[in-house]
């Protein structure tokens, strides 16, 4: 293979990788939006379920504190799961399968 052919093959490969990266970025933005909506809905349901369990059993101030604490714990867990997904995608992206 001549040097020109090698450069042409390298350019084509680089172009294909660039196109995959652009397509992966568009897909990633869609996933972020969908996961964000799901996370917000999950936290709202969590806060409401805590309200249903402790509402009327404790004072309203304590109920709010428990709801905030539960929601913060839920948000922390969701954040840790999101971090794990991002790490896994970065590892898979290096392997060339765009995390799929």
N, C-alpha and C. Protein backbone atom coordinates (compact mmCIF):
# COMPACT_ATOMS: atom_id res chain seq x y z
N UNK A 1 0.86 -1.17 0.00
CA UNK A 1 0.00 0.00 0.00
C UNK A 1 0.90 1.23 0.00
N UNK A 2 0.60 2.13 -0.90
CA UNK A 2 1.42 3.33 -0.99
C UNK A 2 1.05 4.30 0.14
N UNK A 3 1.87 5.32 0.27
CA UNK A 3 1.65 6.30 1.33
C UNK A 3 0.34 7.07 1.09
N UNK A 4 0.04 7.36 -0.17
CA UNK A 4 -1.21 8.06 -0.49
C UNK A 4 -2.42 7.21 -0.12
N UNK A 5 -2.36 5.94 -0.42
CA UNK A 5 -3.48 5.06 -0.10
C UNK A 5 -3.65 4.96 1.41
N UNK A 6 -2.54 4.86 2.11
CA UNK A 6 -2.60 4.79 3.57
C UNK A 6 -3.21 6.07 4.15
N UNK A 7 -2.84 7.23 3.61
CA UNK A 7 -3.42 8.49 4.07
C UNK A 7 -4.91 8.55 3.76
N UNK A 8 -5.30 8.06 2.59
CA UNK A 8 -6.71 8.06 2.21
C UNK A 8 -7.52 7.17 3.14
N UNK A 9 -7.00 6.00 3.46
CA UNK A 9 -7.68 5.09 4.37
C UNK A 9 -7.78 5.72 5.76
N UNK A 10 -6.72 6.35 6.22
CA UNK A 10 -6.73 7.02 7.51
C UNK A 10 -7.76 8.14 7.54
N UNK A 11 -7.84 8.91 6.46
CA UNK A 11 -8.81 10.01 6.39
C UNK A 11 -10.24 9.48 6.42
N UNK A 12 -10.50 8.40 5.70
CA UNK A 12 -11.84 7.81 5.69
C UNK A 12 -12.19 7.28 7.07
N UNK A 13 -11.28 6.60 7.72
CA UNK A 13 -11.52 6.08 9.07
C UNK A 13 -11.79 7.22 10.05
N UNK A 14 -10.99 8.28 9.94
CA UNK A 14 -11.17 9.43 10.82
C UNK A 14 -12.54 10.07 10.59
N UNK A 15 -12.94 10.19 9.32
CA UNK A 15 -14.24 10.76 8.99
C UNK A 15 -15.37 9.90 9.58
N UNK A 16 -15.26 8.59 9.44
CA UNK A 16 -16.28 7.69 9.96
C UNK A 16 -16.38 7.78 11.48
N UNK A 17 -15.24 7.85 12.15
CA UNK A 17 -15.24 7.99 13.61
C UNK A 17 -15.88 9.32 14.02
N UNK A 18 -15.58 10.38 13.26
CA UNK A 18 -16.16 11.69 13.56
C UNK A 18 -17.68 11.64 13.39
N UNK A 19 -18.17 10.99 12.34
CA UNK A 19 -19.60 10.89 12.12
C UNK A 19 -20.26 10.07 13.24
N UNK A 20 -19.61 8.99 13.68
CA UNK A 20 -20.14 8.20 14.78
C UNK A 20 -20.20 9.02 16.05
N UNK A 21 -19.18 9.85 16.28
CA UNK A 21 -19.16 10.70 17.47
C UNK A 21 -20.31 11.69 17.44
N UNK A 22 -20.57 12.31 16.29
CA UNK A 22 -21.66 13.27 16.17
C UNK A 22 -23.00 12.57 16.41
N UNK A 23 -23.20 11.41 15.80
CA UNK A 23 -24.43 10.67 16.00
C UNK A 23 -24.58 10.22 17.44
N UNK A 24 -23.47 9.82 18.06
CA UNK A 24 -23.50 9.42 19.46
C UNK A 24 -23.84 10.58 20.37
N UNK A 25 -23.36 11.78 20.03
CA UNK A 25 -23.65 12.96 20.84
C UNK A 25 -25.13 13.31 20.76
N UNK A 26 -25.72 13.22 19.56
CA UNK A 26 -27.15 13.49 19.41
C UNK A 26 -27.97 12.49 20.22
N UNK A 27 -27.61 11.23 20.15
CA UNK A 27 -28.29 10.20 20.92
C UNK A 27 -28.11 10.40 22.41
N UNK A 28 -26.93 10.87 22.80
CA UNK A 28 -26.65 11.11 24.21
C UNK A 28 -27.53 12.23 24.75
N UNK A 29 -27.73 13.29 23.97
CA UNK A 29 -28.59 14.39 24.42
C UNK A 29 -30.03 13.92 24.61
N UNK A 30 -30.51 13.08 23.71
CA UNK A 30 -31.86 12.54 23.86
C UNK A 30 -31.96 11.70 25.13
N UNK A 31 -30.94 10.89 25.37
CA UNK A 31 -30.94 10.05 26.57
C UNK A 31 -30.91 10.90 27.83
N UNK A 32 -30.11 11.96 27.82
CA UNK A 32 -30.03 12.83 29.00
C UNK A 32 -31.39 13.44 29.30
N UNK A 33 -32.09 13.90 28.27
CA UNK A 33 -33.41 14.49 28.46
C UNK A 33 -34.39 13.45 29.02
N UNK A 34 -34.39 12.27 28.43
CA UNK A 34 -35.30 11.22 28.88
C UNK A 34 -34.98 10.80 30.31
N UNK A 35 -33.70 10.58 30.61
CA UNK A 35 -33.31 10.19 31.97
C UNK A 35 -33.62 11.29 32.97
N UNK A 36 -33.48 12.55 32.59
CA UNK A 36 -33.78 13.66 33.50
C UNK A 36 -35.27 13.69 33.83
N UNK A 37 -36.10 13.52 32.83
CA UNK A 37 -37.55 13.49 33.07
C UNK A 37 -37.91 12.32 33.98
N UNK A 38 -37.31 11.16 33.72
CA UNK A 38 -37.58 9.99 34.55
C UNK A 38 -37.11 10.20 35.99
N UNK A 39 -35.96 10.84 36.16
CA UNK A 39 -35.42 11.09 37.50
C UNK A 39 -36.32 12.05 38.27
N UNK A 40 -36.77 13.11 37.62
CA UNK A 40 -37.65 14.08 38.28
C UNK A 40 -38.97 13.41 38.68
N UNK A 41 -39.52 12.61 37.78
CA UNK A 41 -40.77 11.90 38.10
C UNK A 41 -40.56 10.93 39.26
N UNK A 42 -39.44 10.25 39.26
CA UNK A 42 -39.12 9.30 40.34
C UNK A 42 -39.03 10.01 41.68
N UNK A 43 -38.36 11.16 41.70
CA UNK A 43 -38.22 11.90 42.95
C UNK A 43 -39.56 12.45 43.42
N UNK A 44 -40.41 12.89 42.50
CA UNK A 44 -41.74 13.37 42.88
C UNK A 44 -42.58 12.24 43.48
N UNK A 45 -42.52 11.07 42.86
CA UNK A 45 -43.27 9.92 43.38
C UNK A 45 -42.71 9.51 44.74
N UNK A 46 -41.41 9.56 44.91
CA UNK A 46 -40.78 9.22 46.18
C UNK A 46 -41.26 10.17 47.29
N UNK A 47 -41.23 11.47 47.00
CA UNK A 47 -41.67 12.45 48.00
C UNK A 47 -43.15 12.25 48.34
N UNK A 48 -43.96 11.99 47.33
CA UNK A 48 -45.40 11.79 47.56
C UNK A 48 -45.65 10.51 48.37
N UNK A 49 -44.91 9.46 48.08
CA UNK A 49 -45.12 8.21 48.83
C UNK A 49 -44.69 8.38 50.29
N UNK A 50 -43.64 9.15 50.53
CA UNK A 50 -43.25 9.44 51.92
C UNK A 50 -44.36 10.23 52.60
N UNK A 51 -44.92 11.20 51.89
CA UNK A 51 -46.03 12.00 52.42
C UNK A 51 -47.21 11.09 52.78
N UNK A 52 -47.51 10.11 51.93
CA UNK A 52 -48.63 9.21 52.19
C UNK A 52 -48.37 8.31 53.39
N UNK A 53 -47.13 7.92 53.61
CA UNK A 53 -46.80 7.06 54.75
C UNK A 53 -46.82 7.81 56.07
N UNK A 54 -46.22 8.98 56.11
CA UNK A 54 -46.06 9.67 57.40
C UNK A 54 -47.02 10.83 57.59
N UNK A 55 -47.75 11.22 56.55
CA UNK A 55 -48.69 12.33 56.67
C UNK A 55 -49.76 12.04 57.71
N UNK A 56 -49.96 12.95 58.65
CA UNK A 56 -50.95 12.76 59.70
C UNK A 56 -50.41 12.03 60.91
N UNK A 57 -49.30 11.32 60.75
CA UNK A 57 -48.72 10.61 61.90
C UNK A 57 -47.73 11.49 62.66
N UNK A 58 -47.12 12.40 61.96
CA UNK A 58 -46.13 13.29 62.58
C UNK A 58 -46.52 14.74 62.28
N UNK A 59 -45.83 15.67 62.89
CA UNK A 59 -46.12 17.08 62.66
C UNK A 59 -45.77 17.45 61.21
N UNK A 60 -46.43 18.48 60.66
CA UNK A 60 -46.13 18.88 59.28
C UNK A 60 -44.66 19.27 59.06
N UNK A 61 -44.03 19.87 60.05
CA UNK A 61 -42.61 20.24 59.91
C UNK A 61 -41.73 19.00 59.80
N UNK A 62 -42.01 18.02 60.66
CA UNK A 62 -41.22 16.78 60.62
C UNK A 62 -41.49 16.03 59.31
N UNK A 63 -42.73 16.07 58.85
CA UNK A 63 -43.06 15.42 57.58
C UNK A 63 -42.25 16.03 56.44
N UNK A 64 -42.17 17.34 56.39
CA UNK A 64 -41.39 18.00 55.35
C UNK A 64 -39.91 17.64 55.44
N UNK A 65 -39.40 17.57 56.68
CA UNK A 65 -37.99 17.20 56.85
C UNK A 65 -37.74 15.78 56.36
N UNK A 66 -38.65 14.88 56.67
CA UNK A 66 -38.50 13.49 56.23
C UNK A 66 -38.59 13.41 54.71
N UNK A 67 -39.53 14.16 54.12
CA UNK A 67 -39.67 14.17 52.66
C UNK A 67 -38.41 14.71 51.99
N UNK A 68 -37.86 15.79 52.53
CA UNK A 68 -36.64 16.37 51.96
C UNK A 68 -35.48 15.38 52.10
N UNK A 69 -35.35 14.78 53.29
CA UNK A 69 -34.27 13.80 53.50
C UNK A 69 -34.38 12.61 52.56
N UNK A 70 -35.58 12.07 52.42
CA UNK A 70 -35.79 10.94 51.51
C UNK A 70 -35.52 11.30 50.07
N UNK A 71 -35.95 12.51 49.68
CA UNK A 71 -35.72 12.95 48.31
C UNK A 71 -34.23 13.17 48.04
N UNK A 72 -33.52 13.72 49.03
CA UNK A 72 -32.07 13.90 48.86
C UNK A 72 -31.35 12.56 48.74
N UNK A 73 -31.76 11.59 49.54
CA UNK A 73 -31.16 10.26 49.43
C UNK A 73 -31.47 9.66 48.06
N UNK A 74 -32.72 9.80 47.60
CA UNK A 74 -33.08 9.30 46.27
C UNK A 74 -32.29 9.99 45.17
N UNK A 75 -32.11 11.32 45.28
CA UNK A 75 -31.34 12.05 44.27
C UNK A 75 -29.88 11.60 44.27
N UNK A 76 -29.34 11.31 45.45
CA UNK A 76 -27.96 10.83 45.54
C UNK A 76 -27.82 9.47 44.85
N UNK A 77 -28.78 8.60 45.09
CA UNK A 77 -28.73 7.26 44.46
C UNK A 77 -28.85 7.39 42.94
N UNK A 78 -29.76 8.24 42.47
CA UNK A 78 -29.90 8.44 41.03
C UNK A 78 -28.61 9.02 40.44
N UNK A 79 -27.99 9.96 41.15
CA UNK A 79 -26.72 10.53 40.69
C UNK A 79 -25.62 9.49 40.60
N UNK A 80 -25.55 8.61 41.59
CA UNK A 80 -24.53 7.54 41.56
C UNK A 80 -24.78 6.58 40.39
N UNK A 81 -26.05 6.28 40.13
CA UNK A 81 -26.36 5.41 38.99
C UNK A 81 -25.98 6.09 37.68
N UNK A 82 -26.25 7.39 37.57
CA UNK A 82 -25.90 8.13 36.35
C UNK A 82 -24.38 8.15 36.16
N UNK A 83 -23.65 8.33 37.25
CA UNK A 83 -22.19 8.32 37.16
C UNK A 83 -21.68 6.96 36.69
N UNK A 84 -22.30 5.89 37.17
CA UNK A 84 -21.90 4.54 36.75
C UNK A 84 -22.18 4.34 35.26
N UNK A 85 -23.32 4.83 34.79
CA UNK A 85 -23.65 4.71 33.36
C UNK A 85 -22.63 5.48 32.53
N UNK A 86 -22.27 6.68 32.96
CA UNK A 86 -21.30 7.48 32.21
C UNK A 86 -19.94 6.78 32.16
N UNK A 87 -19.51 6.21 33.27
CA UNK A 87 -18.23 5.48 33.27
C UNK A 87 -18.28 4.29 32.32
N UNK A 88 -19.38 3.55 32.37
CA UNK A 88 -19.52 2.38 31.50
C UNK A 88 -19.51 2.80 30.04
N UNK A 89 -20.20 3.89 29.70
CA UNK A 89 -20.22 4.37 28.32
C UNK A 89 -18.85 4.81 27.86
N UNK A 90 -18.11 5.47 28.73
CA UNK A 90 -16.75 5.90 28.35
C UNK A 90 -15.87 4.69 28.05
N UNK A 91 -15.99 3.65 28.87
CA UNK A 91 -15.21 2.43 28.62
C UNK A 91 -15.62 1.80 27.30
N UNK A 92 -16.94 1.71 27.06
CA UNK A 92 -17.44 1.09 25.83
C UNK A 92 -17.15 1.94 24.61
N UNK A 93 -17.15 3.26 24.77
CA UNK A 93 -16.86 4.16 23.66
C UNK A 93 -15.43 3.95 23.18
N UNK A 94 -14.52 3.68 24.12
CA UNK A 94 -13.15 3.42 23.76
C UNK A 94 -13.01 2.12 22.97
N UNK A 95 -13.96 1.22 23.14
CA UNK A 95 -13.94 -0.05 22.41
C UNK A 95 -14.57 0.08 21.03
N UNK A 96 -15.25 1.23 20.77
CA UNK A 96 -15.77 1.48 19.44
C UNK A 96 -17.20 1.08 19.21
N UNK A 97 -17.97 0.77 20.29
CA UNK A 97 -19.36 0.38 20.05
C UNK A 97 -20.35 1.44 20.53
N UNK A 98 -19.88 2.66 20.80
CA UNK A 98 -20.74 3.79 21.21
C UNK A 98 -21.60 3.47 22.41
N UNK A 99 -21.19 2.55 23.25
CA UNK A 99 -21.92 2.24 24.46
C UNK A 99 -23.18 1.43 24.26
N UNK A 100 -23.35 0.86 23.11
CA UNK A 100 -24.57 0.08 22.86
C UNK A 100 -24.24 -1.38 22.72
